[in-house]
Protein backbone atom coordinates (compact mmCIF):
# COMPACT_ATOMS: atom_id res chain seq x y z
CA UNK A 1 -6.68 23.61 0.05
CA UNK A 2 -10.24 22.36 1.20
CA UNK A 3 -10.92 19.42 -1.00
CA UNK A 4 -9.60 16.13 0.79
CA UNK A 5 -7.88 13.31 -0.59
CA UNK A 6 -7.18 10.32 1.65
CA UNK A 7 -4.45 7.62 1.55
CA UNK A 8 -5.54 4.34 2.94
CA UNK A 9 -2.57 2.37 4.13
CA UNK A 10 -1.99 -1.29 5.13
CA UNK A 11 1.16 -3.44 5.27
CA UNK A 12 2.22 -6.68 3.76
CA UNK A 13 5.29 -8.83 4.73
CA UNK A 14 7.63 -8.32 7.70
CA UNK A 15 8.66 -4.82 8.74
CA UNK A 16 11.81 -5.84 10.55
CA UNK A 17 14.89 -6.43 8.32
CA UNK A 18 16.55 -8.76 11.16
CA UNK A 19 13.82 -11.15 11.30
CA UNK A 20 14.58 -14.53 9.65
CA UNK A 21 12.37 -14.92 6.43
CA UNK A 22 9.61 -17.44 6.57
CA UNK A 23 10.67 -20.54 4.43
CA UNK A 24 7.29 -20.42 2.73
CA UNK A 25 8.22 -17.02 1.31
CA UNK A 26 11.50 -17.96 -0.08
CA UNK A 27 12.25 -15.92 -3.36
CA UNK A 28 9.55 -13.27 -2.56
CA UNK A 29 10.60 -11.76 0.78
CA UNK A 30 9.27 -8.22 0.89
CA UNK A 31 7.74 -5.59 3.05
CA UNK A 32 5.19 -3.41 1.62
CA UNK A 33 3.42 -0.26 2.95
CA UNK A 34 0.73 1.61 0.95
CA UNK A 35 -2.62 1.05 -0.44
CA UNK A 36 -5.02 3.48 -2.31
CA UNK A 37 -5.69 7.12 -2.79
CA UNK A 38 -9.18 8.26 -2.92
CA UNK A 39 -10.75 11.69 -3.30
CA UNK A 40 -13.35 12.65 -0.78
CA UNK A 41 -16.18 12.93 -3.21
CA UNK A 42 -15.44 9.25 -4.37
CA UNK A 43 -15.61 7.69 -0.95
CA UNK A 44 -19.37 6.59 -1.12
CA UNK A 45 -18.84 4.99 -4.41
CA UNK A 46 -15.97 2.70 -3.19
CA UNK A 47 -17.66 1.96 0.14
CA UNK A 48 -20.79 0.95 -1.76
CA UNK A 49 -18.81 -1.43 -4.01
CA UNK A 50 -17.30 -3.20 -0.93
CA UNK A 51 -20.63 -3.37 1.03
CA UNK A 52 -22.48 -4.76 -2.00
CA UNK A 53 -19.72 -7.55 -2.32
CA UNK A 54 -19.79 -8.46 1.42
CA UNK A 55 -23.62 -8.75 1.25
CA UNK A 56 -23.67 -10.90 -1.72
CA UNK A 57 -21.38 -13.38 -0.36
CA UNK A 58 -22.84 -13.06 3.14
CA UNK A 59 -19.55 -11.94 4.80
CA UNK A 60 -20.57 -8.86 6.66
CA UNK A 61 -18.53 -6.56 8.76
CA UNK A 62 -17.05 -9.31 10.90
CA UNK A 63 -15.57 -11.04 7.90
CA UNK A 64 -13.69 -8.31 5.98
CA UNK A 65 -12.08 -9.15 2.55
CA UNK A 66 -8.45 -9.99 3.49
CA UNK A 67 -6.54 -11.04 0.36
CA UNK A 68 -4.00 -13.53 1.87
CA UNK A 69 -6.96 -15.45 3.76
CA UNK A 70 -8.98 -15.36 0.50
CA UNK A 71 -6.20 -16.73 -1.68
CA UNK A 72 -5.27 -19.32 1.12
CA UNK A 73 -8.98 -20.33 1.62
CA UNK A 74 -8.61 -20.10 5.25
CA UNK A 75 -10.34 -18.74 8.30
CA UNK A 76 -13.44 -16.51 7.14
CA UNK A 77 -12.78 -18.02 3.64
CA UNK A 78 -12.18 -21.69 4.26
CA UNK A 79 -15.53 -22.27 2.74
CA UNK A 80 -14.11 -21.46 -0.72
CA UNK A 81 -12.32 -24.77 -0.57
CA UNK A 82 -15.66 -26.55 -0.49
CA UNK A 83 -17.53 -24.92 -3.33
CA UNK A 84 -17.59 -25.54 -7.13
CA UNK A 85 -14.94 -24.08 -9.25
CA UNK A 86 -17.69 -22.08 -10.90
CA UNK A 87 -18.65 -20.45 -7.59
CA UNK A 88 -15.11 -19.76 -6.76
CA UNK A 89 -14.57 -18.05 -10.03
CA UNK A 90 -17.61 -15.92 -9.50
CA UNK A 91 -16.38 -14.97 -6.22
CA UNK A 92 -12.96 -13.78 -7.42
CA UNK A 93 -14.59 -12.02 -10.42
CA UNK A 94 -16.81 -10.11 -8.17
CA UNK A 95 -13.84 -9.02 -6.10
CA UNK A 96 -11.71 -7.99 -8.92
CA UNK A 97 -14.74 -5.97 -10.17
CA UNK A 98 -14.66 -4.27 -6.84
CA UNK A 99 -11.00 -3.37 -6.84
CA UNK A 100 -11.08 -2.34 -10.70
CA UNK A 101 -14.13 -0.21 -10.56
CA UNK A 102 -13.35 1.58 -7.15
CA UNK A 103 -12.18 5.25 -8.03
CA UNK A 104 -8.83 4.83 -6.46
CA UNK A 105 -5.09 4.98 -7.33
CA UNK A 106 -2.81 2.34 -5.84
CA UNK A 107 0.21 3.79 -4.36
CA UNK A 108 3.07 2.32 -1.98
CA UNK A 109 6.67 1.32 -1.25
CA UNK A 110 7.77 -2.16 -1.53
CA UNK A 111 11.02 -3.06 -0.10
CA UNK A 112 13.01 -6.27 -0.91
CA UNK A 113 14.11 -7.28 2.68
CA UNK A 114 17.32 -9.37 1.53
CA UNK A 115 18.25 -6.39 -0.71
CA UNK A 116 17.89 -3.95 2.36
CA UNK A 117 20.26 -6.09 4.32
CA UNK A 118 22.63 -6.74 1.52
CA UNK A 119 22.98 -3.13 0.94
CA UNK A 120 24.30 -2.63 4.50
CA UNK A 121 21.44 -0.58 5.76
CA UNK A 122 20.91 -2.63 8.82
CA UNK A 123 24.45 -2.31 9.90
CA UNK A 124 24.62 1.32 9.06
CA UNK A 125 21.15 1.96 10.67
CA UNK A 126 20.68 -0.59 13.53
CA UNK A 127 17.12 0.86 14.17
CA UNK A 128 15.07 -2.14 13.09
CA UNK A 129 12.09 0.08 12.63
CA UNK A 130 13.87 2.11 9.95
CA UNK A 131 12.72 -0.11 7.11
CA UNK A 132 9.24 0.44 8.07
CA UNK A 133 9.61 4.22 8.54
CA UNK A 134 11.37 4.50 5.23
CA UNK A 135 8.50 2.82 3.43
CA UNK A 136 5.97 5.01 5.25
CA UNK A 137 7.87 8.16 4.33
CA UNK A 138 8.32 7.24 0.74
CA UNK A 139 4.63 6.45 0.17
CA UNK A 140 3.20 9.44 1.98
CA UNK A 141 5.66 11.79 0.35
CA UNK A 142 4.47 10.59 -3.15
CA UNK A 143 0.93 10.93 -1.98
CA UNK A 144 1.56 14.42 -0.85
CA UNK A 145 2.84 15.22 -4.41
CA UNK A 146 -0.16 13.99 -5.95
CA UNK A 147 -2.40 15.95 -3.53
CA UNK A 148 -0.49 19.04 -4.31
CA UNK A 149 -0.98 18.63 -8.03
CA UNK A 150 -4.76 18.73 -7.28
CA UNK A 151 -4.82 21.26 -4.73
CA UNK A 152 -5.95 18.91 -2.09
CA UNK A 153 -5.33 18.31 1.58
CA UNK A 154 -4.06 14.87 2.29
CA UNK A 155 -5.32 12.70 5.18
CA UNK A 156 -4.00 9.27 6.24
CA UNK A 157 -5.91 6.33 7.31
CA UNK A 158 -4.01 3.06 8.39
CA UNK A 159 -5.01 -0.27 9.69
CA UNK A 160 -4.91 -0.24 13.47
CA UNK A 161 -2.84 -2.39 15.52
CA UNK A 162 -2.50 -1.63 19.26
CA UNK A 163 1.26 -2.56 19.15
CA UNK A 164 2.25 0.04 16.44
CA UNK A 165 -0.51 2.68 16.23
CA UNK A 166 1.68 5.10 18.15
CA UNK A 167 4.76 4.32 16.19
CA UNK A 168 2.92 4.85 12.68
CA UNK A 169 1.55 8.11 14.12
CA UNK A 170 5.01 9.15 15.20
CA UNK A 171 6.31 8.73 11.59
CA UNK A 172 3.58 11.08 10.49
CA UNK A 173 4.54 13.74 13.17
CA UNK A 174 8.07 13.35 12.27
CA UNK A 175 7.45 14.18 8.66
CA UNK A 176 5.74 17.34 9.71
CA UNK A 177 8.26 18.31 12.21
CA UNK A 178 11.61 17.40 10.43
CA UNK A 179 10.69 16.15 6.69
CA UNK A 180 12.39 13.25 5.13
CA UNK A 181 15.47 11.71 6.80
CA UNK A 182 17.17 10.36 3.60
CA UNK A 183 20.61 11.37 2.26
CA UNK A 184 20.08 14.73 0.26
CA UNK A 185 22.62 13.74 -2.54
CA UNK A 186 21.04 10.46 -3.16
CA UNK A 187 17.43 11.54 -3.01
CA UNK A 188 17.80 14.78 -5.03
CA UNK A 189 16.65 13.06 -8.23
CA UNK A 190 13.30 12.24 -6.71
CA UNK A 191 12.62 16.02 -6.09
CA UNK A 192 12.12 15.68 -2.26
CA UNK A 193 9.59 17.81 -0.45
CA UNK A 194 10.45 20.30 2.28
CA UNK A 195 8.90 20.41 5.78
CA UNK A 196 6.95 23.32 4.66
CA UNK A 197 5.45 21.19 1.87
CA UNK A 198 4.39 18.54 4.39
CA UNK A 199 2.85 21.00 6.83
CA UNK A 200 0.85 22.67 4.18
CA UNK A 201 -0.54 19.65 2.66
CA UNK A 202 -0.86 16.92 5.34
CA UNK A 203 -4.00 17.04 7.40
CA UNK A 204 -4.74 14.39 9.96
CA UNK A 205 -3.97 10.74 10.46
CA UNK A 206 -6.34 8.21 11.90
CA UNK A 207 -6.34 4.27 12.47
CA UNK A 208 -9.33 2.23 11.66
CA UNK A 209 -10.01 -1.46 12.02
CA UNK A 210 -9.49 -3.74 8.99
CA UNK A 211 -13.21 -3.88 8.46
CA UNK A 212 -13.30 -0.32 7.08
CA UNK A 213 -14.32 -0.78 3.39
CA UNK A 214 -11.50 1.30 1.99
CA UNK A 215 -8.82 -0.54 4.09
CA UNK A 216 -10.19 -3.83 2.60
CA UNK A 217 -9.52 -2.38 -0.84
CA UNK A 218 -5.95 -1.10 0.34
CA UNK A 219 -5.06 -4.66 1.59
CA UNK A 220 -5.61 -6.19 -1.81
CA UNK A 221 -3.78 -3.37 -3.55
CA UNK A 222 -0.57 -3.30 -1.40
CA UNK A 223 -0.42 -7.09 -1.68
CA UNK A 224 -0.79 -7.05 -5.53
CA UNK A 225 1.74 -4.23 -5.94
CA UNK A 226 4.20 -6.14 -3.73
CA UNK A 227 3.71 -9.57 -5.43
CA UNK A 228 4.10 -8.06 -8.78
CA UNK A 229 7.83 -7.40 -7.93
CA UNK A 230 8.23 -11.14 -7.68
CA UNK A 231 5.74 -12.51 -9.91
CA UNK A 232 5.15 -10.47 -12.94
CA UNK A 233 2.27 -12.64 -14.09
CA UNK A 234 0.21 -12.28 -10.91
CA UNK A 235 -3.24 -11.94 -12.38
CA UNK A 236 -4.67 -9.49 -9.81
CA UNK A 237 -1.98 -6.97 -10.39
CA UNK A 238 -2.61 -7.19 -14.16
CA UNK A 239 -6.29 -6.57 -13.75
CA UNK A 240 -5.39 -3.51 -11.75
CA UNK A 241 -2.72 -2.38 -14.29
CA UNK A 242 -5.13 -2.69 -17.31
CA UNK A 243 -7.85 -0.78 -15.42
CA UNK A 244 -5.28 1.92 -14.91
CA UNK A 245 -5.75 1.74 -11.05
CA UNK A 246 -1.98 1.65 -10.29
CA UNK A 247 -0.10 5.02 -9.95
CA UNK A 248 2.38 3.79 -12.60
CA UNK A 249 -0.52 3.71 -15.14
CA UNK A 250 -2.88 6.32 -13.81
CA UNK A 251 -0.36 9.30 -13.81
CA UNK A 252 1.27 11.07 -16.61
CA UNK A 253 4.74 9.68 -17.58
CA UNK A 254 6.48 12.87 -16.21
CA UNK A 255 5.34 12.36 -12.66
CA UNK A 256 6.22 8.59 -12.60
CA UNK A 257 9.89 8.95 -11.37
CA UNK A 258 8.66 10.59 -8.05
CA UNK A 259 5.02 9.77 -7.79
CA UNK A 260 4.86 6.18 -8.95
CA UNK A 261 5.03 2.86 -6.91
CA UNK A 262 8.42 2.79 -5.26
CA UNK A 263 10.31 -0.47 -5.42
CA UNK A 264 13.16 -0.17 -2.95
CA UNK A 265 16.45 -2.13 -2.68
CA UNK A 266 15.73 -3.93 -5.92
CA UNK A 267 18.44 -4.26 -8.62
CA UNK A 268 18.19 -0.67 -10.31
CA UNK A 269 18.73 -2.18 -13.86
CA UNK A 270 16.69 -5.32 -13.73
CA UNK A 271 14.17 -4.26 -11.17
CA UNK A 272 14.49 -7.75 -9.80
CA UNK A 273 14.89 -8.64 -6.14
CA UNK A 274 18.40 -8.54 -4.50
């Protein structure tokens, strides 16, 4: 396998199940880990779309597109509050165009934090980092399955943070050394991969700054996929869905149970939080 495919990963929400939820997030308390898969030959196209957007709106490398800041109109995007609605609409139309035209597939694992605690996982597994590792492992395994379908080597790039860079890299090394740590009987329906599968398909892992063009795209994707679980009318997700940029709509139906976006600790029947 020589042709590369890369999973660009970012986080959204709080990774620790024992941390009290922010009051402003009541009713949508998630942790999401994921982003976008992109084939090596498509990198330049995606990068070009982001670069053109940043240049048009005079943002530059020091002002990367960060979805929560954009929506809140704060920090580098505080100026959005002062412009006309027409200009604001134009800004968002341009960014949606970047996300929908980029040749990527949105993939990730979104965990409902209250649901995680309610199921007793925190008591059974007091390691407060396990929620984060679970989301990473699930997302990477699904990316590996997609890479295997296409005979590609999978590389991982995640947004750097000095406090967790070694931790995330450790998750990656653990997958290659030990495979998944989930209960075999519970996970068998998802056709879990073996350690051999991970070693044959996984390549390298790197961390990059949030200004990296593909990580800017990943940031919006993982937020949209997470928000969708709590707000089915979230417009950005609908645009990505209609453009078939989310794994759940980009892949054949037969692959969705074990390669689509994973919503973890949600009600299995209603798919709602809790």
